[in-house]
Amino acid sequence: MARKGKFKMKTHKATAKRFRQTSSGKVVRTVSGKGHLRRNTPKRTKQLFSKMVPVTSVKLAKRVRRLAPYLSKYKANPNARTGQSS
């Protein structure tokens, strides 16, 4: 028997891993430059890499919300904290 009702929207997984939504509704992202070549970087600069920065562009925030419609339900990527991959 076919199920009737609304369709579920698919989440763009790369967007869901890079962004999250705060409780006030702001979209935040991680700071770029965390990939490699941090050996000669000062300690203070490396500490700033752990911060989440709010997305200032209205268009980008709108695009992120469209790509990841359930971002408010899932606050963060569960594997990001533990470092495990699924």
N, C-alpha and C. Protein backbone atom coordinates (compact mmCIF):
# COMPACT_ATOMS: atom_id res chain seq x y z
N MET A 1 0.83 -1.17 0.00
CA MET A 1 0.00 0.00 0.00
C MET A 1 0.88 1.25 0.00
N ALA A 2 0.63 2.15 -0.90
CA ALA A 2 1.42 3.37 -1.02
C ALA A 2 1.05 4.35 0.10
N ARG A 3 2.06 5.01 0.61
CA ARG A 3 1.85 5.96 1.69
C ARG A 3 1.47 7.32 1.13
N LYS A 4 0.42 7.90 1.63
CA LYS A 4 -0.01 9.22 1.17
C LYS A 4 0.45 10.27 2.17
N GLY A 5 0.72 11.46 1.66
CA GLY A 5 1.11 12.55 2.54
C GLY A 5 2.22 13.38 1.92
N LYS A 6 2.82 14.20 2.73
CA LYS A 6 3.87 15.10 2.26
C LYS A 6 5.17 14.33 2.04
N PHE A 7 5.97 14.87 1.16
CA PHE A 7 7.27 14.28 0.88
C PHE A 7 8.29 14.81 1.88
N LYS A 8 9.27 13.99 2.18
CA LYS A 8 10.38 14.44 3.01
C LYS A 8 11.43 15.08 2.11
N MET A 9 12.03 16.15 2.60
CA MET A 9 13.09 16.81 1.85
C MET A 9 14.42 16.16 2.20
N LYS A 10 15.28 16.02 1.20
CA LYS A 10 16.58 15.42 1.44
C LYS A 10 17.57 16.48 1.92
N THR A 11 18.40 16.11 2.88
CA THR A 11 19.41 17.00 3.42
C THR A 11 20.69 16.87 2.62
N HIS A 12 21.30 18.01 2.28
CA HIS A 12 22.61 18.02 1.64
C HIS A 12 23.65 17.78 2.74
N LYS A 13 24.23 16.58 2.73
CA LYS A 13 25.04 16.13 3.86
C LYS A 13 26.30 16.97 4.08
N ALA A 14 26.92 17.46 3.01
CA ALA A 14 28.12 18.28 3.16
C ALA A 14 27.78 19.59 3.86
N THR A 15 26.62 20.14 3.56
CA THR A 15 26.18 21.37 4.23
C THR A 15 25.87 21.12 5.69
N ALA A 16 25.23 20.00 5.99
CA ALA A 16 24.88 19.67 7.37
C ALA A 16 26.12 19.46 8.23
N LYS A 17 27.22 19.02 7.64
CA LYS A 17 28.45 18.80 8.40
C LYS A 17 29.22 20.10 8.63
N ARG A 18 29.07 21.07 7.75
CA ARG A 18 29.84 22.31 7.84
C ARG A 18 29.16 23.42 8.63
N PHE A 19 27.84 23.38 8.71
CA PHE A 19 27.09 24.44 9.37
C PHE A 19 26.23 23.86 10.47
N ARG A 20 25.84 24.71 11.43
CA ARG A 20 24.84 24.34 12.41
C ARG A 20 24.03 25.58 12.76
N GLN A 21 22.90 25.35 13.42
CA GLN A 21 22.01 26.45 13.74
C GLN A 21 21.95 26.61 15.25
N THR A 22 22.05 27.87 15.72
CA THR A 22 21.98 28.14 17.14
C THR A 22 20.53 28.11 17.61
N SER A 23 20.32 28.18 18.90
CA SER A 23 18.96 28.16 19.42
C SER A 23 18.18 29.41 19.06
N SER A 24 18.89 30.53 18.80
CA SER A 24 18.21 31.76 18.38
C SER A 24 17.91 31.77 16.88
N GLY A 25 18.43 30.78 16.14
CA GLY A 25 18.13 30.67 14.72
C GLY A 25 19.24 31.12 13.80
N LYS A 26 20.37 31.58 14.35
CA LYS A 26 21.48 32.01 13.51
C LYS A 26 22.20 30.79 12.94
N VAL A 27 22.71 30.94 11.72
CA VAL A 27 23.50 29.88 11.10
C VAL A 27 24.97 30.20 11.37
N VAL A 28 25.71 29.23 11.91
CA VAL A 28 27.13 29.44 12.21
C VAL A 28 27.96 28.41 11.45
N ARG A 29 29.21 28.77 11.22
CA ARG A 29 30.13 27.91 10.47
C ARG A 29 31.46 27.85 11.20
N THR A 30 32.30 26.92 10.80
CA THR A 30 33.64 26.83 11.37
C THR A 30 34.57 27.77 10.62
N VAL A 31 35.70 28.06 11.22
CA VAL A 31 36.69 28.96 10.61
C VAL A 31 37.51 28.17 9.60
N SER A 32 37.84 28.81 8.49
CA SER A 32 38.65 28.13 7.47
C SER A 32 40.13 28.14 7.88
N GLY A 33 40.91 27.28 7.25
CA GLY A 33 42.34 27.24 7.51
C GLY A 33 42.75 26.22 8.56
N LYS A 34 41.90 25.24 8.84
CA LYS A 34 42.22 24.25 9.86
C LYS A 34 42.79 22.97 9.27
N GLY A 35 42.93 22.90 7.97
CA GLY A 35 43.32 21.66 7.32
C GLY A 35 44.73 21.21 7.60
N HIS A 36 45.70 22.08 7.35
CA HIS A 36 47.11 21.69 7.51
C HIS A 36 47.95 22.95 7.62
N LEU A 37 49.28 22.79 7.74
CA LEU A 37 50.25 23.89 7.83
C LEU A 37 50.00 24.79 9.03
N ARG A 38 49.80 24.19 10.20
CA ARG A 38 49.59 24.99 11.41
C ARG A 38 50.76 24.90 12.37
N ARG A 39 51.85 24.33 11.95
CA ARG A 39 52.97 24.13 12.86
C ARG A 39 53.59 25.47 13.29
N ASN A 40 53.71 26.40 12.35
CA ASN A 40 54.34 27.68 12.66
C ASN A 40 53.32 28.77 13.02
N THR A 41 52.08 28.38 13.22
CA THR A 41 51.04 29.34 13.57
C THR A 41 51.08 29.61 15.07
N PRO A 42 50.90 30.87 15.49
CA PRO A 42 50.90 31.17 16.92
C PRO A 42 49.77 30.45 17.67
N LYS A 43 49.99 30.24 18.97
CA LYS A 43 49.02 29.53 19.80
C LYS A 43 47.66 30.22 19.80
N ARG A 44 47.69 31.54 19.91
CA ARG A 44 46.43 32.30 19.98
C ARG A 44 45.62 32.14 18.69
N THR A 45 46.29 32.14 17.57
CA THR A 45 45.61 31.97 16.28
C THR A 45 45.00 30.57 16.19
N LYS A 46 45.70 29.57 16.69
CA LYS A 46 45.17 28.20 16.68
C LYS A 46 43.96 28.06 17.58
N GLN A 47 43.92 28.81 18.68
CA GLN A 47 42.76 28.78 19.57
C GLN A 47 41.54 29.38 18.89
N LEU A 48 41.77 30.37 18.03
CA LEU A 48 40.65 31.01 17.33
C LEU A 48 40.02 30.08 16.31
N PHE A 49 40.75 29.05 15.89
CA PHE A 49 40.21 28.09 14.91
C PHE A 49 39.06 27.27 15.48
N SER A 50 39.00 27.13 16.81
CA SER A 50 37.96 26.30 17.41
C SER A 50 36.62 27.02 17.51
N LYS A 51 36.59 28.32 17.26
CA LYS A 51 35.35 29.09 17.37
C LYS A 51 34.42 28.83 16.19
N MET A 52 33.13 29.00 16.45
CA MET A 52 32.13 28.98 15.39
C MET A 52 31.78 30.43 15.08
N VAL A 53 31.77 30.79 13.80
CA VAL A 53 31.55 32.17 13.37
C VAL A 53 30.18 32.27 12.72
N PRO A 54 29.40 33.30 13.06
CA PRO A 54 28.09 33.43 12.41
C PRO A 54 28.21 33.77 10.93
N VAL A 55 27.30 33.25 10.14
CA VAL A 55 27.27 33.55 8.71
C VAL A 55 26.66 34.92 8.54
N THR A 56 27.42 35.85 7.94
CA THR A 56 26.94 37.23 7.83
C THR A 56 26.11 37.46 6.56
N SER A 57 26.39 36.71 5.53
CA SER A 57 25.67 36.87 4.27
C SER A 57 24.25 36.30 4.38
N VAL A 58 23.26 37.12 4.09
CA VAL A 58 21.87 36.69 4.18
C VAL A 58 21.56 35.64 3.12
N LYS A 59 22.12 35.84 1.93
CA LYS A 59 21.88 34.89 0.84
C LYS A 59 22.48 33.52 1.15
N LEU A 60 23.67 33.51 1.73
CA LEU A 60 24.31 32.23 2.07
C LEU A 60 23.53 31.52 3.16
N ALA A 61 23.06 32.26 4.16
CA ALA A 61 22.28 31.65 5.23
C ALA A 61 20.99 31.06 4.68
N LYS A 62 20.38 31.75 3.74
CA LYS A 62 19.15 31.26 3.12
C LYS A 62 19.42 29.97 2.33
N ARG A 63 20.54 29.94 1.63
CA ARG A 63 20.92 28.76 0.85
C ARG A 63 21.21 27.57 1.76
N VAL A 64 21.88 27.83 2.88
CA VAL A 64 22.19 26.75 3.83
C VAL A 64 20.90 26.17 4.41
N ARG A 65 19.95 27.04 4.74
CA ARG A 65 18.67 26.56 5.29
C ARG A 65 17.90 25.75 4.26
N ARG A 66 18.04 26.11 2.99
CA ARG A 66 17.34 25.38 1.94
C ARG A 66 18.00 24.01 1.71
N LEU A 67 19.33 23.96 1.78
CA LEU A 67 20.04 22.70 1.54
C LEU A 67 19.92 21.74 2.73
N ALA A 68 19.83 22.29 3.93
CA ALA A 68 19.72 21.45 5.12
C ALA A 68 18.47 21.89 5.90
N PRO A 69 17.29 21.44 5.49
CA PRO A 69 16.06 21.92 6.12
C PRO A 69 15.87 21.46 7.56
N TYR A 70 16.53 20.38 7.97
CA TYR A 70 16.36 19.87 9.32
C TYR A 70 17.55 20.23 10.21
N LEU A 71 18.23 21.31 9.87
CA LEU A 71 19.43 21.73 10.60
C LEU A 71 19.10 22.12 12.04
N SER A 72 17.92 22.65 12.26
CA SER A 72 17.55 23.06 13.62
C SER A 72 17.29 21.86 14.52
N LYS A 73 16.91 20.73 13.94
CA LYS A 73 16.65 19.54 14.76
C LYS A 73 17.95 18.87 15.19
N TYR A 74 18.95 18.87 14.31
CA TYR A 74 20.22 18.24 14.61
C TYR A 74 21.25 19.34 14.78
N LYS A 75 21.61 19.62 16.03
CA LYS A 75 22.45 20.78 16.35
C LYS A 75 23.84 20.68 15.74
N ALA A 76 24.43 19.51 15.77
CA ALA A 76 25.79 19.36 15.25
C ALA A 76 25.95 17.95 14.70
N ASN A 77 26.99 17.78 13.94
CA ASN A 77 27.32 16.47 13.41
C ASN A 77 27.75 15.58 14.59
N PRO A 78 27.07 14.46 14.84
CA PRO A 78 27.41 13.64 16.02
C PRO A 78 28.82 13.07 15.96
N ASN A 79 29.37 12.85 14.79
CA ASN A 79 30.70 12.28 14.67
C ASN A 79 31.79 13.34 14.78
N ALA A 80 31.43 14.62 14.73
CA ALA A 80 32.44 15.68 14.77
C ALA A 80 33.12 15.75 16.13
N ARG A 81 32.39 15.50 17.20
CA ARG A 81 32.97 15.59 18.54
C ARG A 81 33.90 14.43 18.84
N THR A 82 33.48 13.22 18.47
CA THR A 82 34.25 12.04 18.84
C THR A 82 35.36 11.73 17.84
N GLY A 83 35.23 12.24 16.61
CA GLY A 83 36.25 11.98 15.61
C GLY A 83 36.06 10.66 14.90
N GLN A 84 34.96 9.98 15.15
CA GLN A 84 34.71 8.70 14.50
C GLN A 84 34.04 8.92 13.16
N SER A 85 34.28 8.01 12.26
CA SER A 85 33.60 8.07 10.96
C SER A 85 32.63 6.90 10.86
N SER A 86 31.51 7.13 10.21
CA SER A 86 30.52 6.05 10.11
C SER A 86 30.65 5.27 8.84
